[in-house]
Amino acid sequence: MNDAGSFPVGTRRNEDIALDMMRFIAMTTGYGKTGSVGAGFGSSVASKPEDYATHLLELYGRCLSAVERKK
């Protein structure tokens, strides 16, 4: 956050965009939650909190890769 002044107004970091994207996907599909199936994202059901966190980190990595490919 120390370098926030170096970005022009209206620009966002790739990491922030990927985080928003991950949140949207996780919230709307139930990605990685116990007892739910992520629509269109294959088998993503976590049996314990550690697995859920692992699923979310994996999803964040996929989102970040997608954002970086677009720039």
PDB file of N, CA and C in Angstrom:
ATOM      1  N   MET A   1       0.804  -1.185   0.000  1.00  0.00           N
ATOM      2  CA  MET A   1       0.000   0.000   0.000  1.00  0.00           C
ATOM      3  C   MET A   1       0.855   1.261   0.000  1.00  0.00           C
ATOM      4  N   ASN A   2       2.132   1.139   0.290  1.00  0.00           N
ATOM      5  CA  ASN A   2       3.005   2.301   0.328  1.00  0.00           C
ATOM      6  C   ASN A   2       3.177   2.950  -1.035  1.00  0.00           C
ATOM      7  N   ASP A   3       3.056   2.174  -2.099  1.00  0.00           N
ATOM      8  CA  ASP A   3       3.265   2.701  -3.441  1.00  0.00           C
ATOM      9  C   ASP A   3       1.955   3.070  -4.138  1.00  0.00           C
ATOM     10  N   ALA A   4       0.893   3.240  -3.390  1.00  0.00           N
ATOM     11  CA  ALA A   4      -0.409   3.545  -3.984  1.00  0.00           C
ATOM     12  C   ALA A   4      -0.398   4.868  -4.734  1.00  0.00           C
ATOM     13  N   GLY A   5       0.460   5.798  -4.348  1.00  0.00           N
ATOM     14  CA  GLY A   5       0.521   7.092  -5.018  1.00  0.00           C
ATOM     15  C   GLY A   5       1.179   7.044  -6.382  1.00  0.00           C
ATOM     16  N   SER A   6       1.849   5.953  -6.719  1.00  0.00           N
ATOM     17  CA  SER A   6       2.557   5.867  -7.993  1.00  0.00           C
ATOM     18  C   SER A   6       1.663   5.449  -9.151  1.00  0.00           C
ATOM     19  N   PHE A   7       0.416   5.067  -8.869  1.00  0.00           N
ATOM     20  CA  PHE A   7      -0.508   4.646  -9.908  1.00  0.00           C
ATOM     21  C   PHE A   7      -1.394   5.816 -10.317  1.00  0.00           C
ATOM     22  N   PRO A   8      -1.604   6.010 -11.619  1.00  0.00           N
ATOM     23  CA  PRO A   8      -2.545   7.053 -12.043  1.00  0.00           C
ATOM     24  C   PRO A   8      -3.951   6.753 -11.528  1.00  0.00           C
ATOM     25  N   VAL A   9      -4.752   7.780 -11.386  1.00  0.00           N
ATOM     26  CA  VAL A   9      -6.121   7.623 -10.913  1.00  0.00           C
ATOM     27  C   VAL A   9      -6.887   6.713 -11.868  1.00  0.00           C
ATOM     28  N   GLY A  10      -7.621   5.746 -11.313  1.00  0.00           N
ATOM     29  CA  GLY A  10      -8.426   4.854 -12.134  1.00  0.00           C
ATOM     30  C   GLY A  10      -7.756   3.550 -12.504  1.00  0.00           C
ATOM     31  N   THR A  11      -6.472   3.375 -12.179  1.00  0.00           N
ATOM     32  CA  THR A  11      -5.814   2.108 -12.493  1.00  0.00           C
ATOM     33  C   THR A  11      -5.797   1.233 -11.255  1.00  0.00           C
ATOM     34  N   ARG A  12      -5.818  -0.067 -11.492  1.00  0.00           N
ATOM     35  CA  ARG A  12      -5.793  -1.032 -10.394  1.00  0.00           C
ATOM     36  C   ARG A  12      -4.694  -2.042 -10.647  1.00  0.00           C
ATOM     37  N   ARG A  13      -4.144  -2.564  -9.581  1.00  0.00           N
ATOM     38  CA  ARG A  13      -3.111  -3.586  -9.703  1.00  0.00           C
ATOM     39  C   ARG A  13      -3.737  -4.903 -10.134  1.00  0.00           C
ATOM     40  N   ASN A  14      -2.969  -5.699 -10.851  1.00  0.00           N
ATOM     41  CA  ASN A  14      -3.440  -7.020 -11.286  1.00  0.00           C
ATOM     42  C   ASN A  14      -3.895  -7.860 -10.100  1.00  0.00           C
ATOM     43  N   GLU A  15      -3.177  -7.763  -8.990  1.00  0.00           N
ATOM     44  CA  GLU A  15      -3.508  -8.549  -7.805  1.00  0.00           C
ATOM     45  C   GLU A  15      -4.886  -8.178  -7.252  1.00  0.00           C
ATOM     46  N   ASP A  16      -5.206  -6.892  -7.289  1.00  0.00           N
ATOM     47  CA  ASP A  16      -6.519  -6.443  -6.801  1.00  0.00           C
ATOM     48  C   ASP A  16      -7.642  -6.920  -7.710  1.00  0.00           C
ATOM     49  N   ILE A  17      -7.409  -6.850  -9.003  1.00  0.00           N
ATOM     50  CA  ILE A  17      -8.410  -7.310  -9.966  1.00  0.00           C
ATOM     51  C   ILE A  17      -8.626  -8.812  -9.812  1.00  0.00           C
ATOM     52  N   ALA A  18      -7.527  -9.562  -9.679  1.00  0.00           N
ATOM     53  CA  ALA A  18      -7.627 -11.022  -9.514  1.00  0.00           C
ATOM     54  C   ALA A  18      -8.347 -11.380  -8.220  1.00  0.00           C
ATOM     55  N   LEU A  19      -8.114 -10.623  -7.157  1.00  0.00           N
ATOM     56  CA  LEU A  19      -8.780 -10.885  -5.888  1.00  0.00           C
ATOM     57  C   LEU A  19     -10.286 -10.654  -6.004  1.00  0.00           C
ATOM     58  N   ASP A  20     -10.680  -9.571  -6.655  1.00  0.00           N
ATOM     59  CA  ASP A  20     -12.106  -9.313  -6.873  1.00  0.00           C
ATOM     60  C   ASP A  20     -12.743 -10.402  -7.723  1.00  0.00           C
ATOM     61  N   MET A  21     -12.017 -10.832  -8.738  1.00  0.00           N
ATOM     62  CA  MET A  21     -12.504 -11.890  -9.627  1.00  0.00           C
ATOM     63  C   MET A  21     -12.679 -13.195  -8.850  1.00  0.00           C
ATOM     64  N   MET A  22     -11.695 -13.534  -8.009  1.00  0.00           N
ATOM     65  CA  MET A  22     -11.772 -14.748  -7.198  1.00  0.00           C
ATOM     66  C   MET A  22     -12.962 -14.686  -6.245  1.00  0.00           C
ATOM     67  N   ARG A  23     -13.142 -13.542  -5.598  1.00  0.00           N
ATOM     68  CA  ARG A  23     -14.276 -13.390  -4.682  1.00  0.00           C
ATOM     69  C   ARG A  23     -15.594 -13.584  -5.404  1.00  0.00           C
ATOM     70  N   PHE A  24     -15.725 -12.973  -6.574  1.00  0.00           N
ATOM     71  CA  PHE A  24     -16.961 -13.094  -7.341  1.00  0.00           C
ATOM     72  C   PHE A  24     -17.245 -14.545  -7.693  1.00  0.00           C
ATOM     73  N   ILE A  25     -16.242 -15.233  -8.215  1.00  0.00           N
ATOM     74  CA  ILE A  25     -16.424 -16.638  -8.611  1.00  0.00           C
ATOM     75  C   ILE A  25     -16.746 -17.497  -7.392  1.00  0.00           C
ATOM     76  N   ALA A  26     -16.005 -17.314  -6.309  1.00  0.00           N
ATOM     77  CA  ALA A  26     -16.218 -18.124  -5.108  1.00  0.00           C
ATOM     78  C   ALA A  26     -17.602 -17.879  -4.513  1.00  0.00           C
ATOM     79  N   MET A  27     -18.030 -16.628  -4.479  1.00  0.00           N
ATOM     80  CA  MET A  27     -19.330 -16.306  -3.873  1.00  0.00           C
ATOM     81  C   MET A  27     -20.500 -16.783  -4.742  1.00  0.00           C
ATOM     82  N   THR A  28     -20.398 -16.623  -6.045  1.00  0.00           N
ATOM     83  CA  THR A  28     -21.526 -16.962  -6.911  1.00  0.00           C
ATOM     84  C   THR A  28     -21.636 -18.447  -7.211  1.00  0.00           C
ATOM     85  N   THR A  29     -20.524 -19.176  -7.125  1.00  0.00           N
ATOM     86  CA  THR A  29     -20.562 -20.602  -7.452  1.00  0.00           C
ATOM     87  C   THR A  29     -20.418 -21.507  -6.234  1.00  0.00           C
ATOM     88  N   GLY A  30     -20.018 -20.956  -5.086  1.00  0.00           N
ATOM     89  CA  GLY A  30     -19.761 -21.787  -3.918  1.00  0.00           C
ATOM     90  C   GLY A  30     -18.470 -22.566  -4.066  1.00  0.00           C
ATOM     91  N   TYR A  31     -17.561 -22.086  -4.898  1.00  0.00           N
ATOM     92  CA  TYR A  31     -16.304 -22.776  -5.197  1.00  0.00           C
ATOM     93  C   TYR A  31     -15.552 -23.144  -3.927  1.00  0.00           C
ATOM     94  N   GLY A  32     -15.256 -24.406  -3.771  1.00  0.00           N
ATOM     95  CA  GLY A  32     -14.442 -24.907  -2.676  1.00  0.00           C
ATOM     96  C   GLY A  32     -15.156 -25.150  -1.372  1.00  0.00           C
ATOM     97  N   LYS A  33     -16.410 -24.753  -1.241  1.00  0.00           N
ATOM     98  CA  LYS A  33     -17.120 -24.924   0.029  1.00  0.00           C
ATOM     99  C   LYS A  33     -17.508 -26.368   0.261  1.00  0.00           C
ATOM    100  N   THR A  34     -17.586 -26.730   1.528  1.00  0.00           N
ATOM    101  CA  THR A  34     -17.989 -28.078   1.914  1.00  0.00           C
ATOM    102  C   THR A  34     -19.429 -28.335   1.495  1.00  0.00           C
ATOM    103  N   GLY A  35     -19.648 -29.440   0.824  1.00  0.00           N
ATOM    104  CA  GLY A  35     -21.004 -29.848   0.472  1.00  0.00           C
ATOM    105  C   GLY A  35     -21.595 -29.165  -0.736  1.00  0.00           C
ATOM    106  N   SER A  36     -20.816 -28.369  -1.461  1.00  0.00           N
ATOM    107  CA  SER A  36     -21.346 -27.728  -2.659  1.00  0.00           C
ATOM    108  C   SER A  36     -20.461 -28.064  -3.848  1.00  0.00           C
ATOM    109  N   VAL A  37     -21.034 -27.961  -5.011  1.00  0.00           N
ATOM    110  CA  VAL A  37     -20.300 -28.225  -6.233  1.00  0.00           C
ATOM    111  C   VAL A  37     -20.226 -26.935  -7.012  1.00  0.00           C
ATOM    112  N   GLY A  38     -19.009 -26.546  -7.415  1.00  0.00           N
ATOM    113  CA  GLY A  38     -18.817 -25.322  -8.180  1.00  0.00           C
ATOM    114  C   GLY A  38     -19.287 -25.513  -9.603  1.00  0.00           C
ATOM    115  N   ALA A  39     -20.283 -24.778  -9.992  1.00  0.00           N
ATOM    116  CA  ALA A  39     -20.851 -24.896 -11.338  1.00  0.00           C
ATOM    117  C   ALA A  39     -19.813 -24.552 -12.389  1.00  0.00           C
ATOM    118  N   GLY A  40     -19.514 -25.521 -13.230  1.00  0.00           N
ATOM    119  CA  GLY A  40     -18.590 -25.287 -14.327  1.00  0.00           C
ATOM    120  C   GLY A  40     -17.123 -25.320 -13.943  1.00  0.00           C
ATOM    121  N   PHE A  41     -16.816 -25.556 -12.694  1.00  0.00           N
ATOM    122  CA  PHE A  41     -15.426 -25.558 -12.267  1.00  0.00           C
ATOM    123  C   PHE A  41     -14.977 -26.926 -11.774  1.00  0.00           C
ATOM    124  N   GLY A  42     -15.685 -27.955 -12.133  1.00  0.00           N
ATOM    125  CA  GLY A  42     -15.296 -29.307 -11.768  1.00  0.00           C
ATOM    126  C   GLY A  42     -15.546 -29.604 -10.306  1.00  0.00           C
ATOM    127  N   SER A  43     -14.945 -30.665  -9.832  1.00  0.00           N
ATOM    128  CA  SER A  43     -15.116 -31.058  -8.435  1.00  0.00           C
ATOM    129  C   SER A  43     -14.267 -30.158  -7.558  1.00  0.00           C
ATOM    130  N   SER A  44     -14.918 -29.336  -6.755  1.00  0.00           N
ATOM    131  CA  SER A  44     -14.182 -28.392  -5.919  1.00  0.00           C
ATOM    132  C   SER A  44     -14.705 -28.398  -4.494  1.00  0.00           C
ATOM    133  N   VAL A  45     -15.109 -29.562  -4.008  1.00  0.00           N
ATOM    134  CA  VAL A  45     -15.691 -29.659  -2.677  1.00  0.00           C
ATOM    135  C   VAL A  45     -14.588 -29.932  -1.661  1.00  0.00           C
ATOM    136  N   ALA A  46     -14.493 -29.086  -0.636  1.00  0.00           N
ATOM    137  CA  ALA A  46     -13.483 -29.232   0.409  1.00  0.00           C
ATOM    138  C   ALA A  46     -14.084 -29.944   1.603  1.00  0.00           C
ATOM    139  N   SER A  47     -13.317 -30.860   2.191  1.00  0.00           N
ATOM    140  CA  SER A  47     -13.821 -31.588   3.351  1.00  0.00           C
ATOM    141  C   SER A  47     -13.425 -30.919   4.665  1.00  0.00           C
ATOM    142  N   LYS A  48     -12.427 -30.039   4.667  1.00  0.00           N
ATOM    143  CA  LYS A  48     -12.004 -29.337   5.875  1.00  0.00           C
ATOM    144  C   LYS A  48     -11.516 -27.935   5.508  1.00  0.00           C
ATOM    145  N   PRO A  49     -11.396 -27.047   6.487  1.00  0.00           N
ATOM    146  CA  PRO A  49     -11.022 -25.657   6.206  1.00  0.00           C
ATOM    147  C   PRO A  49      -9.708 -25.503   5.442  1.00  0.00           C
ATOM    148  N   GLU A  50      -8.733 -26.350   5.719  1.00  0.00           N
ATOM    149  CA  GLU A  50      -7.457 -26.266   5.012  1.00  0.00           C
ATOM    150  C   GLU A  50      -7.633 -26.520   3.518  1.00  0.00           C
ATOM    151  N   ASP A  51      -8.515 -27.472   3.189  1.00  0.00           N
ATOM    152  CA  ASP A  51      -8.789 -27.768   1.792  1.00  0.00           C
ATOM    153  C   ASP A  51      -9.494 -26.588   1.123  1.00  0.00           C
ATOM    154  N   TYR A  52     -10.408 -25.965   1.837  1.00  0.00           N
ATOM    155  CA  TYR A  52     -11.126 -24.799   1.316  1.00  0.00           C
ATOM    156  C   TYR A  52     -10.143 -23.675   1.009  1.00  0.00           C
ATOM    157  N   ALA A  53      -9.214 -23.428   1.938  1.00  0.00           N
ATOM    158  CA  ALA A  53      -8.209 -22.397   1.723  1.00  0.00           C
ATOM    159  C   ALA A  53      -7.333 -22.726   0.524  1.00  0.00           C
ATOM    160  N   THR A  54      -6.966 -23.985   0.388  1.00  0.00           N
ATOM    161  CA  THR A  54      -6.149 -24.412  -0.755  1.00  0.00           C
ATOM    162  C   THR A  54      -6.893 -24.179  -2.069  1.00  0.00           C
ATOM    163  N   HIS A  55      -8.186 -24.497  -2.100  1.00  0.00           N
ATOM    164  CA  HIS A  55      -8.993 -24.270  -3.296  1.00  0.00           C
ATOM    165  C   HIS A  55      -9.041 -22.786  -3.648  1.00  0.00           C
ATOM    166  N   LEU A  56      -9.221 -21.940  -2.643  1.00  0.00           N
ATOM    167  CA  LEU A  56      -9.295 -20.498  -2.896  1.00  0.00           C
ATOM    168  C   LEU A  56      -7.961 -19.948  -3.393  1.00  0.00           C
ATOM    169  N   LEU A  57      -6.865 -20.418  -2.823  1.00  0.00           N
ATOM    170  CA  LEU A  57      -5.545 -19.968  -3.291  1.00  0.00           C
ATOM    171  C   LEU A  57      -5.294 -20.405  -4.733  1.00  0.00           C
ATOM    172  N   GLU A  58      -5.715 -21.618  -5.052  1.00  0.00           N
ATOM    173  CA  GLU A  58      -5.582 -22.106  -6.425  1.00  0.00           C
ATOM    174  C   GLU A  58      -6.423 -21.258  -7.379  1.00  0.00           C
ATOM    175  N   LEU A  59      -7.634 -20.942  -6.969  1.00  0.00           N
ATOM    176  CA  LEU A  59      -8.507 -20.109  -7.789  1.00  0.00           C
ATOM    177  C   LEU A  59      -7.917 -18.723  -7.967  1.00  0.00           C
ATOM    178  N   TYR A  60      -7.345 -18.149  -6.902  1.00  0.00           N
ATOM    179  CA  TYR A  60      -6.711 -16.836  -7.001  1.00  0.00           C
ATOM    180  C   TYR A  60      -5.563 -16.871  -8.010  1.00  0.00           C
ATOM    181  N   GLY A  61      -4.761 -17.911  -7.968  1.00  0.00           N
ATOM    182  CA  GLY A  61      -3.657 -18.053  -8.921  1.00  0.00           C
ATOM    183  C   GLY A  61      -4.157 -18.117 -10.362  1.00  0.00           C
ATOM    184  N   ARG A  62      -5.246 -18.836 -10.566  1.00  0.00           N
ATOM    185  CA  ARG A  62      -5.825 -18.934 -11.907  1.00  0.00           C
ATOM    186  C   ARG A  62      -6.357 -17.580 -12.361  1.00  0.00           C
ATOM    187  N   CYS A  63      -6.985 -16.854 -11.442  1.00  0.00           N
ATOM    188  CA  CYS A  63      -7.516 -15.524 -11.774  1.00  0.00           C
ATOM    189  C   CYS A  63      -6.379 -14.556 -12.090  1.00  0.00           C
ATOM    190  N   LEU A  64      -5.317 -14.588 -11.298  1.00  0.00           N
ATOM    191  CA  LEU A  64      -4.176 -13.711 -11.534  1.00  0.00           C
ATOM    192  C   LEU A  64      -3.537 -14.005 -12.889  1.00  0.00           C
ATOM    193  N   SER A  65      -3.400 -15.260 -13.219  1.00  0.00           N
ATOM    194  CA  SER A  65      -2.845 -15.632 -14.530  1.00  0.00           C
ATOM    195  C   SER A  65      -3.720 -15.104 -15.658  1.00  0.00           C
ATOM    196  N   ALA A  66      -5.016 -15.212 -15.499  1.00  0.00           N
ATOM    197  CA  ALA A  66      -5.938 -14.727 -16.525  1.00  0.00           C
ATOM    198  C   ALA A  66      -5.846 -13.214 -16.684  1.00  0.00           C
ATOM    199  N   VAL A  67      -5.736 -12.488 -15.578  1.00  0.00           N
ATOM    200  CA  VAL A  67      -5.634 -11.035 -15.638  1.00  0.00           C
ATOM    201  C   VAL A  67      -4.316 -10.620 -16.294  1.00  0.00           C
ATOM    202  N   GLU A  68      -3.233 -11.290 -15.946  1.00  0.00           N
ATOM    203  CA  GLU A  68      -1.918 -10.943 -16.510  1.00  0.00           C
ATOM    204  C   GLU A  68      -1.863 -11.236 -17.999  1.00  0.00           C
ATOM    205  N   ARG A  69      -2.569 -12.248 -18.467  1.00  0.00           N
ATOM    206  CA  ARG A  69      -2.599 -12.550 -19.903  1.00  0.00           C
ATOM    207  C   ARG A  69      -3.333 -11.474 -20.682  1.00  0.00           C
ATOM    208  N   LYS A  70      -4.286 -10.798 -20.042  1.00  0.00           N
ATOM    209  CA  LYS A  70      -5.094  -9.763 -20.706  1.00  0.00           C
ATOM    210  C   LYS A  70      -4.349  -8.450 -20.845  1.00  0.00           C
ATOM    211  N   LYS A  71      -3.324  -8.227 -20.057  1.00  0.00           N
ATOM    212  CA  LYS A  71      -2.622  -6.928 -20.080  1.00  0.00           C
ATOM    213  C   LYS A  71      -1.469  -6.920 -21.040  1.00  0.00           C
TER     214      LYS A  71
END
